[in-house]
Amino acid sequence: MSHVALCIRFTLRDGAGEAFDELVHETAAVVRTQESGTLVYACSGVEGAPAQRVFFELYTDRSAFEEHGRQPRVRHFLAECKKYAERTEIDRLHLYAGKYPTGSE
């Protein structure tokens, strides 16, 4: 099985943190309950950088990642977050060691 993983850093516009965080909570609630192929969908603030948010996303495979991107709530998130983020950096990751969910538990 070939996992798909992403690390995404959002730099938010001044005053956009609360609205962005609410959008994240709404999206994460749907991902948690409706996407079995999404193993990790986590957003964190960054200590000492209040305008930064970092996502880590882990999918069982490319199909699960593509299915995630087709979900209405995710498409809504991607459209809306442009209002709140002045910069978005996306790294596609290659997992090769560590401890993480495999999707077979």
PDB file of N, CA and C in Angstrom:
ATOM      1  N   MET A   1       0.848  -1.185   0.000  1.00  0.00           N
ATOM      2  CA  MET A   1       0.000   0.000   0.000  1.00  0.00           C
ATOM      3  C   MET A   1       0.889   1.242   0.000  1.00  0.00           C
ATOM      4  N   SER A   2       0.568   2.194  -0.809  1.00  0.00           N
ATOM      5  CA  SER A   2       1.348   3.411  -0.922  1.00  0.00           C
ATOM      6  C   SER A   2       0.548   4.583  -0.365  1.00  0.00           C
ATOM      7  N   HIS A   3       0.902   5.015   0.829  1.00  0.00           N
ATOM      8  CA  HIS A   3       0.213   6.136   1.458  1.00  0.00           C
ATOM      9  C   HIS A   3       0.469   7.431   0.698  1.00  0.00           C
ATOM     10  N   VAL A   4      -0.452   8.371   0.851  1.00  0.00           N
ATOM     11  CA  VAL A   4      -0.273   9.726   0.357  1.00  0.00           C
ATOM     12  C   VAL A   4      -0.282  10.626   1.584  1.00  0.00           C
ATOM     13  N   ALA A   5       0.722  11.479   1.701  1.00  0.00           N
ATOM     14  CA  ALA A   5       0.828  12.381   2.854  1.00  0.00           C
ATOM     15  C   ALA A   5       1.169  13.790   2.381  1.00  0.00           C
ATOM     16  N   LEU A   6       0.611  14.758   3.092  1.00  0.00           N
ATOM     17  CA  LEU A   6       0.849  16.163   2.793  1.00  0.00           C
ATOM     18  C   LEU A   6       1.141  16.919   4.076  1.00  0.00           C
ATOM     19  N   CYS A   7       1.947  17.951   3.954  1.00  0.00           N
ATOM     20  CA  CYS A   7       2.123  18.943   5.007  1.00  0.00           C
ATOM     21  C   CYS A   7       1.808  20.286   4.351  1.00  0.00           C
ATOM     22  N   ILE A   8       0.871  21.018   4.926  1.00  0.00           N
ATOM     23  CA  ILE A   8       0.429  22.276   4.331  1.00  0.00           C
ATOM     24  C   ILE A   8       0.544  23.374   5.379  1.00  0.00           C
ATOM     25  N   ARG A   9       1.214  24.457   5.028  1.00  0.00           N
ATOM     26  CA  ARG A   9       1.358  25.607   5.928  1.00  0.00           C
ATOM     27  C   ARG A   9       0.562  26.778   5.355  1.00  0.00           C
ATOM     28  N   PHE A  10      -0.362  27.274   6.171  1.00  0.00           N
ATOM     29  CA  PHE A  10      -1.141  28.454   5.816  1.00  0.00           C
ATOM     30  C   PHE A  10      -0.604  29.634   6.622  1.00  0.00           C
ATOM     31  N   THR A  11      -0.365  30.739   5.945  1.00  0.00           N
ATOM     32  CA  THR A  11      -0.082  32.002   6.619  1.00  0.00           C
ATOM     33  C   THR A  11      -1.339  32.840   6.461  1.00  0.00           C
ATOM     34  N   LEU A  12      -1.971  33.142   7.596  1.00  0.00           N
ATOM     35  CA  LEU A  12      -3.283  33.796   7.578  1.00  0.00           C
ATOM     36  C   LEU A  12      -3.164  35.314   7.513  1.00  0.00           C
ATOM     37  N   ARG A  13      -4.192  35.920   6.956  1.00  0.00           N
ATOM     38  CA  ARG A  13      -4.289  37.380   6.928  1.00  0.00           C
ATOM     39  C   ARG A  13      -4.562  37.876   8.349  1.00  0.00           C
ATOM     40  N   ASP A  14      -4.214  39.115   8.623  1.00  0.00           N
ATOM     41  CA  ASP A  14      -4.472  39.705   9.939  1.00  0.00           C
ATOM     42  C   ASP A  14      -5.948  39.574  10.295  1.00  0.00           C
ATOM     43  N   GLY A  15      -6.216  39.076  11.484  1.00  0.00           N
ATOM     44  CA  GLY A  15      -7.579  38.961  11.982  1.00  0.00           C
ATOM     45  C   GLY A  15      -8.376  37.785  11.440  1.00  0.00           C
ATOM     46  N   ALA A  16      -7.766  36.918  10.649  1.00  0.00           N
ATOM     47  CA  ALA A  16      -8.513  35.823  10.018  1.00  0.00           C
ATOM     48  C   ALA A  16      -8.466  34.520  10.801  1.00  0.00           C
ATOM     49  N   GLY A  17      -7.713  34.465  11.888  1.00  0.00           N
ATOM     50  CA  GLY A  17      -7.517  33.212  12.608  1.00  0.00           C
ATOM     51  C   GLY A  17      -8.794  32.545  13.082  1.00  0.00           C
ATOM     52  N   GLU A  18      -9.667  33.294  13.712  1.00  0.00           N
ATOM     53  CA  GLU A  18     -10.894  32.709  14.270  1.00  0.00           C
ATOM     54  C   GLU A  18     -11.782  32.121  13.172  1.00  0.00           C
ATOM     55  N   ALA A  19     -11.972  32.853  12.091  1.00  0.00           N
ATOM     56  CA  ALA A  19     -12.817  32.373  10.995  1.00  0.00           C
ATOM     57  C   ALA A  19     -12.185  31.155  10.313  1.00  0.00           C
ATOM     58  N   PHE A  20     -10.871  31.181  10.120  1.00  0.00           N
ATOM     59  CA  PHE A  20     -10.182  30.047   9.511  1.00  0.00           C
ATOM     60  C   PHE A  20     -10.323  28.819  10.403  1.00  0.00           C
ATOM     61  N   ASP A  21     -10.113  28.994  11.703  1.00  0.00           N
ATOM     62  CA  ASP A  21     -10.197  27.872  12.629  1.00  0.00           C
ATOM     63  C   ASP A  21     -11.601  27.265  12.651  1.00  0.00           C
ATOM     64  N   GLU A  22     -12.618  28.095  12.561  1.00  0.00           N
ATOM     65  CA  GLU A  22     -13.998  27.589  12.514  1.00  0.00           C
ATOM     66  C   GLU A  22     -14.212  26.769  11.243  1.00  0.00           C
ATOM     67  N   LEU A  23     -13.693  27.244  10.131  1.00  0.00           N
ATOM     68  CA  LEU A  23     -13.781  26.513   8.870  1.00  0.00           C
ATOM     69  C   LEU A  23     -13.079  25.156   8.993  1.00  0.00           C
ATOM     70  N   VAL A  24     -11.936  25.128   9.638  1.00  0.00           N
ATOM     71  CA  VAL A  24     -11.198  23.878   9.864  1.00  0.00           C
ATOM     72  C   VAL A  24     -12.032  22.919  10.705  1.00  0.00           C
ATOM     73  N   HIS A  25     -12.607  23.402  11.800  1.00  0.00           N
ATOM     74  CA  HIS A  25     -13.425  22.537  12.670  1.00  0.00           C
ATOM     75  C   HIS A  25     -14.601  21.931  11.911  1.00  0.00           C
ATOM     76  N   GLU A  26     -15.278  22.739  11.102  1.00  0.00           N
ATOM     77  CA  GLU A  26     -16.413  22.245  10.323  1.00  0.00           C
ATOM     78  C   GLU A  26     -15.973  21.160   9.341  1.00  0.00           C
ATOM     79  N   THR A  27     -14.864  21.397   8.685  1.00  0.00           N
ATOM     80  CA  THR A  27     -14.364  20.445   7.696  1.00  0.00           C
ATOM     81  C   THR A  27     -13.888  19.168   8.364  1.00  0.00           C
ATOM     82  N   ALA A  28     -13.131  19.306   9.446  1.00  0.00           N
ATOM     83  CA  ALA A  28     -12.584  18.135  10.150  1.00  0.00           C
ATOM     84  C   ALA A  28     -13.696  17.234  10.682  1.00  0.00           C
ATOM     85  N   ALA A  29     -14.813  17.818  11.121  1.00  0.00           N
ATOM     86  CA  ALA A  29     -15.928  17.016  11.631  1.00  0.00           C
ATOM     87  C   ALA A  29     -16.467  16.086  10.549  1.00  0.00           C
ATOM     88  N   VAL A  30     -16.555  16.579   9.332  1.00  0.00           N
ATOM     89  CA  VAL A  30     -17.054  15.761   8.222  1.00  0.00           C
ATOM     90  C   VAL A  30     -16.009  14.717   7.833  1.00  0.00           C
ATOM     91  N   VAL A  31     -14.754  15.119   7.752  1.00  0.00           N
ATOM     92  CA  VAL A  31     -13.682  14.186   7.398  1.00  0.00           C
ATOM     93  C   VAL A  31     -13.629  13.040   8.397  1.00  0.00           C
ATOM     94  N   ARG A  32     -13.737  13.372   9.680  1.00  0.00           N
ATOM     95  CA  ARG A  32     -13.679  12.362  10.741  1.00  0.00           C
ATOM     96  C   ARG A  32     -14.764  11.305  10.597  1.00  0.00           C
ATOM     97  N   THR A  33     -15.956  11.715  10.228  1.00  0.00           N
ATOM     98  CA  THR A  33     -17.084  10.783  10.206  1.00  0.00           C
ATOM     99  C   THR A  33     -17.351  10.139   8.848  1.00  0.00           C
ATOM    100  N   GLN A  34     -16.833  10.735   7.764  1.00  0.00           N
ATOM    101  CA  GLN A  34     -17.232  10.263   6.441  1.00  0.00           C
ATOM    102  C   GLN A  34     -16.091   9.772   5.553  1.00  0.00           C
ATOM    103  N   GLU A  35     -14.849   9.853   6.022  1.00  0.00           N
ATOM    104  CA  GLU A  35     -13.737   9.478   5.150  1.00  0.00           C
ATOM    105  C   GLU A  35     -12.864   8.407   5.804  1.00  0.00           C
ATOM    106  N   SER A  36     -13.210   7.173   5.589  1.00  0.00           N
ATOM    107  CA  SER A  36     -12.438   6.087   6.200  1.00  0.00           C
ATOM    108  C   SER A  36     -11.021   5.981   5.632  1.00  0.00           C
ATOM    109  N   GLY A  37     -10.809   6.452   4.424  1.00  0.00           N
ATOM    110  CA  GLY A  37      -9.484   6.408   3.815  1.00  0.00           C
ATOM    111  C   GLY A  37      -8.566   7.537   4.240  1.00  0.00           C
ATOM    112  N   THR A  38      -9.112   8.499   4.996  1.00  0.00           N
ATOM    113  CA  THR A  38      -8.288   9.574   5.549  1.00  0.00           C
ATOM    114  C   THR A  38      -7.857   9.124   6.940  1.00  0.00           C
ATOM    115  N   LEU A  39      -6.582   8.795   7.081  1.00  0.00           N
ATOM    116  CA  LEU A  39      -6.064   8.273   8.342  1.00  0.00           C
ATOM    117  C   LEU A  39      -5.746   9.380   9.334  1.00  0.00           C
ATOM    118  N   VAL A  40      -5.211  10.489   8.844  1.00  0.00           N
ATOM    119  CA  VAL A  40      -4.896  11.642   9.695  1.00  0.00           C
ATOM    120  C   VAL A  40      -5.294  12.899   8.940  1.00  0.00           C
ATOM    121  N   TYR A  41      -6.011  13.774   9.624  1.00  0.00           N
ATOM    122  CA  TYR A  41      -6.367  15.087   9.092  1.00  0.00           C
ATOM    123  C   TYR A  41      -6.277  16.029  10.283  1.00  0.00           C
ATOM    124  N   ALA A  42      -5.106  16.604  10.487  1.00  0.00           N
ATOM    125  CA  ALA A  42      -4.845  17.370  11.711  1.00  0.00           C
ATOM    126  C   ALA A  42      -4.324  18.753  11.369  1.00  0.00           C
ATOM    127  N   CYS A  43      -4.830  19.740  12.089  1.00  0.00           N
ATOM    128  CA  CYS A  43      -4.371  21.116  11.928  1.00  0.00           C
ATOM    129  C   CYS A  43      -3.838  21.597  13.269  1.00  0.00           C
ATOM    130  N   SER A  44      -2.714  22.293  13.233  1.00  0.00           N
ATOM    131  CA  SER A  44      -2.087  22.806  14.444  1.00  0.00           C
ATOM    132  C   SER A  44      -1.740  24.265  14.259  1.00  0.00           C
ATOM    133  N   GLY A  45      -1.795  25.000  15.375  1.00  0.00           N
ATOM    134  CA  GLY A  45      -1.214  26.329  15.393  1.00  0.00           C
ATOM    135  C   GLY A  45       0.287  26.167  15.590  1.00  0.00           C
ATOM    136  N   VAL A  46       1.019  27.235  15.352  1.00  0.00           N
ATOM    137  CA  VAL A  46       2.471  27.202  15.476  1.00  0.00           C
ATOM    138  C   VAL A  46       2.887  28.117  16.622  1.00  0.00           C
ATOM    139  N   GLU A  47       3.578  27.544  17.590  1.00  0.00           N
ATOM    140  CA  GLU A  47       4.025  28.310  18.748  1.00  0.00           C
ATOM    141  C   GLU A  47       4.878  29.496  18.298  1.00  0.00           C
ATOM    142  N   GLY A  48       4.519  30.668  18.780  1.00  0.00           N
ATOM    143  CA  GLY A  48       5.264  31.877  18.451  1.00  0.00           C
ATOM    144  C   GLY A  48       4.921  32.487  17.105  1.00  0.00           C
ATOM    145  N   ALA A  49       3.992  31.883  16.381  1.00  0.00           N
ATOM    146  CA  ALA A  49       3.589  32.388  15.058  1.00  0.00           C
ATOM    147  C   ALA A  49       2.068  32.310  14.951  1.00  0.00           C
ATOM    148  N   PRO A  50       1.358  33.256  15.574  1.00  0.00           N
ATOM    149  CA  PRO A  50      -0.106  33.157  15.647  1.00  0.00           C
ATOM    150  C   PRO A  50      -0.827  33.175  14.306  1.00  0.00           C
ATOM    151  N   ALA A  51      -0.175  33.616  13.251  1.00  0.00           N
ATOM    152  CA  ALA A  51      -0.824  33.648  11.933  1.00  0.00           C
ATOM    153  C   ALA A  51      -0.543  32.387  11.126  1.00  0.00           C
ATOM    154  N   GLN A  52       0.108  31.404  11.719  1.00  0.00           N
ATOM    155  CA  GLN A  52       0.455  30.183  11.005  1.00  0.00           C
ATOM    156  C   GLN A  52      -0.436  29.017  11.435  1.00  0.00           C
ATOM    157  N   ARG A  53      -0.806  28.197  10.475  1.00  0.00           N
ATOM    158  CA  ARG A  53      -1.493  26.940  10.736  1.00  0.00           C
ATOM    159  C   ARG A  53      -0.805  25.884   9.881  1.00  0.00           C
ATOM    160  N   VAL A  54      -0.602  24.696  10.453  1.00  0.00           N
ATOM    161  CA  VAL A  54       0.035  23.608   9.719  1.00  0.00           C
ATOM    162  C   VAL A  54      -0.884  22.398   9.741  1.00  0.00           C
ATOM    163  N   PHE A  55      -1.152  21.861   8.571  1.00  0.00           N
ATOM    164  CA  PHE A  55      -1.933  20.636   8.419  1.00  0.00           C
ATOM    165  C   PHE A  55      -0.985  19.480   8.173  1.00  0.00           C
ATOM    166  N   PHE A  56      -1.337  18.329   8.723  1.00  0.00           N
ATOM    167  CA  PHE A  56      -0.722  17.071   8.310  1.00  0.00           C
ATOM    168  C   PHE A  56      -1.864  16.174   7.889  1.00  0.00           C
ATOM    169  N   GLU A  57      -1.774  15.648   6.677  1.00  0.00           N
ATOM    170  CA  GLU A  57      -2.814  14.782   6.142  1.00  0.00           C
ATOM    171  C   GLU A  57      -2.173  13.481   5.688  1.00  0.00           C
ATOM    172  N   LEU A  58      -2.827  12.373   6.027  1.00  0.00           N
ATOM    173  CA  LEU A  58      -2.336  11.055   5.638  1.00  0.00           C
ATOM    174  C   LEU A  58      -3.514  10.235   5.133  1.00  0.00           C
ATOM    175  N   TYR A  59      -3.347   9.684   3.932  1.00  0.00           N
ATOM    176  CA  TYR A  59      -4.393   8.903   3.272  1.00  0.00           C
ATOM    177  C   TYR A  59      -3.890   7.491   3.017  1.00  0.00           C
ATOM    178  N   THR A  60      -4.807   6.533   3.012  1.00  0.00           N
ATOM    179  CA  THR A  60      -4.410   5.145   2.793  1.00  0.00           C
ATOM    180  C   THR A  60      -3.737   4.947   1.439  1.00  0.00           C
ATOM    181  N   ASP A  61      -4.195   5.706   0.431  1.00  0.00           N
ATOM    182  CA  ASP A  61      -3.634   5.575  -0.914  1.00  0.00           C
ATOM    183  C   ASP A  61      -4.103   6.753  -1.770  1.00  0.00           C
ATOM    184  N   ARG A  62      -3.676   6.776  -3.006  1.00  0.00           N
ATOM    185  CA  ARG A  62      -4.025   7.871  -3.922  1.00  0.00           C
ATOM    186  C   ARG A  62      -5.536   7.965  -4.125  1.00  0.00           C
ATOM    187  N   SER A  63      -6.208   6.841  -4.195  1.00  0.00           N
ATOM    188  CA  SER A  63      -7.653   6.834  -4.380  1.00  0.00           C
ATOM    189  C   SER A  63      -8.358   7.551  -3.220  1.00  0.00           C
ATOM    190  N   ALA A  64      -7.933   7.283  -1.995  1.00  0.00           N
ATOM    191  CA  ALA A  64      -8.530   7.940  -0.821  1.00  0.00           C
ATOM    192  C   ALA A  64      -8.251   9.442  -0.852  1.00  0.00           C
ATOM    193  N   PHE A  65      -7.048   9.820  -1.263  1.00  0.00           N
ATOM    194  CA  PHE A  65      -6.694  11.236  -1.377  1.00  0.00           C
ATOM    195  C   PHE A  65      -7.582  11.922  -2.416  1.00  0.00           C
ATOM    196  N   GLU A  66      -7.764  11.297  -3.559  1.00  0.00           N
ATOM    197  CA  GLU A  66      -8.601  11.875  -4.605  1.00  0.00           C
ATOM    198  C   GLU A  66     -10.057  11.956  -4.168  1.00  0.00           C
ATOM    199  N   GLU A  67     -10.529  10.936  -3.477  1.00  0.00           N
ATOM    200  CA  GLU A  67     -11.906  10.948  -2.957  1.00  0.00           C
ATOM    201  C   GLU A  67     -12.088  12.098  -1.962  1.00  0.00           C
ATOM    202  N   HIS A  68     -11.111  12.315  -1.110  1.00  0.00           N
ATOM    203  CA  HIS A  68     -11.137  13.439  -0.156  1.00  0.00           C
ATOM    204  C   HIS A  68     -11.334  14.753  -0.921  1.00  0.00           C
ATOM    205  N   GLY A  69     -10.584  14.941  -1.983  1.00  0.00           N
ATOM    206  CA  GLY A  69     -10.657  16.176  -2.755  1.00  0.00           C
ATOM    207  C   GLY A  69     -11.971  16.396  -3.467  1.00  0.00           C
ATOM    208  N   ARG A  70     -12.738  15.337  -3.664  1.00  0.00           N
ATOM    209  CA  ARG A  70     -14.047  15.449  -4.329  1.00  0.00           C
ATOM    210  C   ARG A  70     -15.187  15.772  -3.354  1.00  0.00           C
ATOM    211  N   GLN A  71     -14.945  15.673  -2.062  1.00  0.00           N
ATOM    212  CA  GLN A  71     -16.011  15.887  -1.082  1.00  0.00           C
ATOM    213  C   GLN A  71     -16.481  17.347  -1.065  1.00  0.00           C
ATOM    214  N   PRO A  72     -17.785  17.592  -1.024  1.00  0.00           N
ATOM    215  CA  PRO A  72     -18.303  18.972  -1.034  1.00  0.00           C
ATOM    216  C   PRO A  72     -17.740  19.831   0.105  1.00  0.00           C
ATOM    217  N   ARG A  73     -17.612  19.278   1.297  1.00  0.00           N
ATOM    218  CA  ARG A  73     -17.104  20.061   2.428  1.00  0.00           C
ATOM    219  C   ARG A  73     -15.648  20.446   2.189  1.00  0.00           C
ATOM    220  N   VAL A  74     -14.866  19.566   1.610  1.00  0.00           N
ATOM    221  CA  VAL A  74     -13.455  19.852   1.329  1.00  0.00           C
ATOM    222  C   VAL A  74     -13.353  20.895   0.220  1.00  0.00           C
ATOM    223  N   ARG A  75     -14.163  20.769  -0.806  1.00  0.00           N
ATOM    224  CA  ARG A  75     -14.157  21.752  -1.889  1.00  0.00           C
ATOM    225  C   ARG A  75     -14.562  23.131  -1.355  1.00  0.00           C
ATOM    226  N   HIS A  76     -15.526  23.147  -0.444  1.00  0.00           N
ATOM    227  CA  HIS A  76     -15.936  24.391   0.209  1.00  0.00           C
ATOM    228  C   HIS A  76     -14.763  24.971   0.997  1.00  0.00           C
ATOM    229  N   PHE A  77     -14.077  24.131   1.770  1.00  0.00           N
ATOM    230  CA  PHE A  77     -12.924  24.589   2.544  1.00  0.00           C
ATOM    231  C   PHE A  77     -11.879  25.225   1.623  1.00  0.00           C
ATOM    232  N   LEU A  78     -11.538  24.546   0.542  1.00  0.00           N
ATOM    233  CA  LEU A  78     -10.501  25.049  -0.362  1.00  0.00           C
ATOM    234  C   LEU A  78     -10.879  26.392  -0.977  1.00  0.00           C
ATOM    235  N   ALA A  79     -12.154  26.563  -1.300  1.00  0.00           N
ATOM    236  CA  ALA A  79     -12.609  27.839  -1.857  1.00  0.00           C
ATOM    237  C   ALA A  79     -12.600  28.938  -0.800  1.00  0.00           C
ATOM    238  N   GLU A  80     -13.095  28.624   0.390  1.00  0.00           N
ATOM    239  CA  GLU A  80     -13.207  29.618   1.455  1.00  0.00           C
ATOM    240  C   GLU A  80     -11.863  30.019   2.059  1.00  0.00           C
ATOM    241  N   CYS A  81     -10.949  29.079   2.163  1.00  0.00           N
ATOM    242  CA  CYS A  81      -9.689  29.405   2.855  1.00  0.00           C
ATOM    243  C   CYS A  81      -8.897  30.465   2.105  1.00  0.00           C
ATOM    244  N   LYS A  82      -9.171  30.664   0.834  1.00  0.00           N
ATOM    245  CA  LYS A  82      -8.489  31.718   0.074  1.00  0.00           C
ATOM    246  C   LYS A  82      -8.793  33.101   0.647  1.00  0.00           C
ATOM    247  N   LYS A  83      -9.952  33.244   1.292  1.00  0.00           N
ATOM    248  CA  LYS A  83     -10.302  34.516   1.928  1.00  0.00           C
ATOM    249  C   LYS A  83      -9.418  34.800   3.139  1.00  0.00           C
ATOM    250  N   TYR A  84      -8.973  33.740   3.796  1.00  0.00           N
ATOM    251  CA  TYR A  84      -8.289  33.877   5.076  1.00  0.00           C
ATOM    252  C   TYR A  84      -6.776  33.729   4.994  1.00  0.00           C
ATOM    253  N   ALA A  85      -6.291  33.043   3.991  1.00  0.00           N
ATOM    254  CA  ALA A  85      -4.850  32.766   3.891  1.00  0.00           C
ATOM    255  C   ALA A  85      -4.210  33.668   2.843  1.00  0.00           C
ATOM    256  N   GLU A  86      -3.142  34.317   3.237  1.00  0.00           N
ATOM    257  CA  GLU A  86      -2.405  35.112   2.252  1.00  0.00           C
ATOM    258  C   GLU A  86      -1.333  34.288   1.562  1.00  0.00           C
ATOM    259  N   ARG A  87      -0.976  33.160   2.179  1.00  0.00           N
ATOM    260  CA  ARG A  87       0.024  32.277   1.571  1.00  0.00           C
ATOM    261  C   ARG A  87      -0.266  30.832   1.969  1.00  0.00           C
ATOM    262  N   THR A  88      -0.099  29.924   1.017  1.00  0.00           N
ATOM    263  CA  THR A  88      -0.275  28.488   1.256  1.00  0.00           C
ATOM    264  C   THR A  88       0.917  27.753   0.656  1.00  0.00           C
ATOM    265  N   GLU A  89       1.568  26.937   1.481  1.00  0.00           N
ATOM    266  CA  GLU A  89       2.705  26.137   1.021  1.00  0.00           C
ATOM    267  C   GLU A  89       2.358  24.668   1.212  1.00  0.00           C
ATOM    268  N   ILE A  90       2.499  23.874   0.155  1.00  0.00           N
ATOM    269  CA  ILE A  90       2.133  22.456   0.201  1.00  0.00           C
ATOM    270  C   ILE A  90       3.354  21.604  -0.091  1.00  0.00           C
ATOM    271  N   ASP A  91       3.634  20.675   0.812  1.00  0.00           N
ATOM    272  CA  ASP A  91       4.687  19.692   0.590  1.00  0.00           C
ATOM    273  C   ASP A  91       4.049  18.319   0.496  1.00  0.00           C
ATOM    274  N   ARG A  92       4.312  17.614  -0.584  1.00  0.00           N
ATOM    275  CA  ARG A  92       3.895  16.217  -0.720  1.00  0.00           C
ATOM    276  C   ARG A  92       5.008  15.392  -0.102  1.00  0.00           C
ATOM    277  N   LEU A  93       4.646  14.519   0.815  1.00  0.00           N
ATOM    278  CA  LEU A  93       5.634  13.789   1.602  1.00  0.00           C
ATOM    279  C   LEU A  93       5.783  12.351   1.140  1.00  0.00           C
ATOM    280  N   HIS A  94       6.941  11.805   1.362  1.00  0.00           N
ATOM    281  CA  HIS A  94       7.211  10.396   1.105  1.00  0.00           C
ATOM    282  C   HIS A  94       7.552   9.757   2.451  1.00  0.00           C
ATOM    283  N   LEU A  95       6.609   9.018   3.015  1.00  0.00           N
ATOM    284  CA  LEU A  95       6.830   8.379   4.313  1.00  0.00           C
ATOM    285  C   LEU A  95       7.713   7.159   4.133  1.00  0.00           C
ATOM    286  N   TYR A  96       8.747   7.057   4.934  1.00  0.00           N
ATOM    287  CA  TYR A  96       9.616   5.892   4.820  1.00  0.00           C
ATOM    288  C   TYR A  96       9.975   5.268   6.159  1.00  0.00           C
ATOM    289  N   ALA A  97       9.688   5.939   7.259  1.00  0.00           N
ATOM    290  CA  ALA A  97       9.959   5.355   8.578  1.00  0.00           C
ATOM    291  C   ALA A  97       9.105   6.071   9.614  1.00  0.00           C
ATOM    292  N   GLY A  98       8.796   5.380  10.689  1.00  0.00           N
ATOM    293  CA  GLY A  98       8.059   6.004  11.766  1.00  0.00           C
ATOM    294  C   GLY A  98       6.884   5.165  12.209  1.00  0.00           C
ATOM    295  N   LYS A  99       6.060   5.774  13.021  1.00  0.00           N
ATOM    296  CA  LYS A  99       4.855   5.120  13.528  1.00  0.00           C
ATOM    297  C   LYS A  99       3.653   5.973  13.107  1.00  0.00           C
ATOM    298  N   TYR A 100       2.760   5.380  12.359  1.00  0.00           N
ATOM    299  CA  TYR A 100       1.564   6.067  11.910  1.00  0.00           C
ATOM    300  C   TYR A 100       0.521   5.020  11.551  1.00  0.00           C
ATOM    301  N   PRO A 101      -0.755   5.433  11.506  1.00  0.00           N
ATOM    302  CA  PRO A 101      -1.814   4.479  11.169  1.00  0.00           C
ATOM    303  C   PRO A 101      -1.598   3.920   9.761  1.00  0.00           C
ATOM    304  N   THR A 102      -1.893   2.662   9.612  1.00  0.00           N
ATOM    305  CA  THR A 102      -1.722   2.035   8.310  1.00  0.00           C
ATOM    306  C   THR A 102      -3.037   1.853   7.568  1.00  0.00           C
ATOM    307  N   GLY A 103      -4.145   2.018   8.271  1.00  0.00           N
ATOM    308  CA  GLY A 103      -5.443   1.819   7.649  1.00  0.00           C
ATOM    309  C   GLY A 103      -5.927   0.393   7.729  1.00  0.00           C
ATOM    310  N   SER A 104      -5.100  -0.479   8.318  1.00  0.00           N
ATOM    311  CA  SER A 104      -5.499  -1.884   8.433  1.00  0.00           C
ATOM    312  C   SER A 104      -5.851  -2.270   9.872  1.00  0.00           C
ATOM    313  N   GLU A 105      -5.844  -1.266  10.779  1.00  0.00           N
ATOM    314  CA  GLU A 105      -6.187  -1.577  12.180  1.00  0.00           C
ATOM    315  C   GLU A 105      -7.650  -1.860  12.308  1.00  0.00           C
TER     316      GLU A 105
END
